[in-house]
Every structure is written in C-alpha cells, then in structure tokens.
Amino acid sequence: MLNERIDDLMAELMTTEEASALWNLSQDHLKRLCSSGKVVARKKGKTWLILREQLNPSQKEAKNDVL
C-alpha cells in the first residue's frame, strides 16, 4: 500500500532529463528555469524533480508575450 502511494507520487514528477525530451529544451535551460521558479520543481540532492502536470515553459512565455 505504501509502495503504491510512492509510485503514484513519483508518477507526478519527472527529472530534467525527462522534461528535456518532453519539452524539447536543454537540461541546462530547464535547471535555470527550476532555480528561478519559472517551473514548479524542487531540488533533492543534485536532482531537480519537476511537476509533470504543468505547461511547457516555452508555451507559458509565449502566452505572456501575447498578453
């Protein structure tokens, strides 16, 4: 039961490597976005854990440019 809960939580997170492939952004750029708070993420050790359920940051920037 506890393992299932952990699995569910982990399914909601992704690493910068996964986000890089999904969003077509470099890992270095993603790390800068994480540290600046432009994406919802937390750092655990040296690894950024990014909330999977959010817009691609470049889509957010495009929307802000229109406004």
Protein backbone atom coordinates (compact mmCIF):
# COMPACT_ATOMS: atom_id res chain seq x y z
CA MET A 1 0.00 0.00 0.00
CA LEU A 2 2.75 2.46 0.90
CA ASN A 3 4.75 1.45 -2.17
CA GLU A 4 1.71 2.17 -4.36
CA ARG A 5 1.41 5.63 -2.85
CA ILE A 6 5.08 6.34 -3.51
CA ASP A 7 4.67 5.07 -7.08
CA ASP A 8 1.68 7.40 -7.54
CA LEU A 9 3.68 10.36 -6.24
CA MET A 10 6.67 9.54 -8.42
CA ALA A 11 4.41 9.33 -11.48
CA GLU A 12 3.58 13.02 -10.92
CA LEU A 13 7.26 14.02 -11.09
CA MET A 14 9.94 14.00 -13.76
CA THR A 15 13.65 14.74 -13.92
CA THR A 16 15.24 17.42 -16.08
CA GLU A 17 16.26 14.63 -18.47
CA GLU A 18 12.63 13.57 -18.95
CA ALA A 19 11.41 17.18 -19.16
CA SER A 20 14.10 17.96 -21.70
CA ALA A 21 12.84 15.22 -24.01
CA LEU A 22 9.17 16.07 -23.41
CA TRP A 23 9.50 19.85 -23.81
CA ASN A 24 12.38 19.91 -26.32
CA LEU A 25 14.50 22.15 -24.06
CA SER A 26 18.08 21.64 -22.91
CA GLN A 27 18.65 20.29 -19.42
CA ASP A 28 20.79 23.32 -18.55
CA HIS A 29 17.98 25.68 -19.55
CA LEU A 30 15.49 23.64 -17.50
CA LYS A 31 17.74 23.76 -14.46
CA ARG A 32 17.88 27.56 -14.74
CA LEU A 33 14.07 27.66 -15.03
CA CYS A 34 13.80 25.44 -11.94
CA SER A 35 16.14 27.55 -9.85
CA SER A 36 14.40 30.78 -10.90
CA GLY A 37 10.95 29.38 -10.02
CA LYS A 38 9.59 29.55 -13.57
CA VAL A 39 8.63 25.88 -13.38
CA VAL A 40 7.19 24.03 -10.39
CA ALA A 41 10.11 21.97 -9.10
CA ARG A 42 12.08 21.04 -6.01
CA LYS A 43 15.70 20.05 -5.72
CA LYS A 44 16.57 16.79 -3.95
CA GLY A 45 20.33 16.49 -3.65
CA LYS A 46 21.63 17.38 -7.11
CA THR A 47 18.42 16.34 -8.88
CA TRP A 48 15.56 18.65 -9.83
CA LEU A 49 12.14 16.99 -9.56
CA ILE A 50 9.66 18.75 -11.82
CA LEU A 51 5.90 18.55 -11.54
CA ARG A 52 4.80 16.71 -14.69
CA GLU A 53 1.36 18.34 -14.76
CA GLN A 54 2.35 21.80 -16.00
CA LEU A 55 2.70 23.60 -19.28
CA ASN A 56 5.90 23.61 -21.24
CA PRO A 57 7.71 26.76 -20.01
CA SER A 58 8.17 28.00 -23.57
CA GLN A 59 4.37 27.87 -24.02
CA LYS A 60 3.96 29.92 -20.83
CA GLU A 61 6.42 32.52 -22.15
CA ALA A 62 4.57 32.69 -25.49
CA LYS A 63 1.26 33.32 -23.68
CA ASN A 64 2.86 36.07 -21.58
CA ASP A 65 4.25 37.74 -24.71
CA VAL A 66 0.72 37.93 -26.17
CA LEU A 67 -0.75 39.50 -23.01
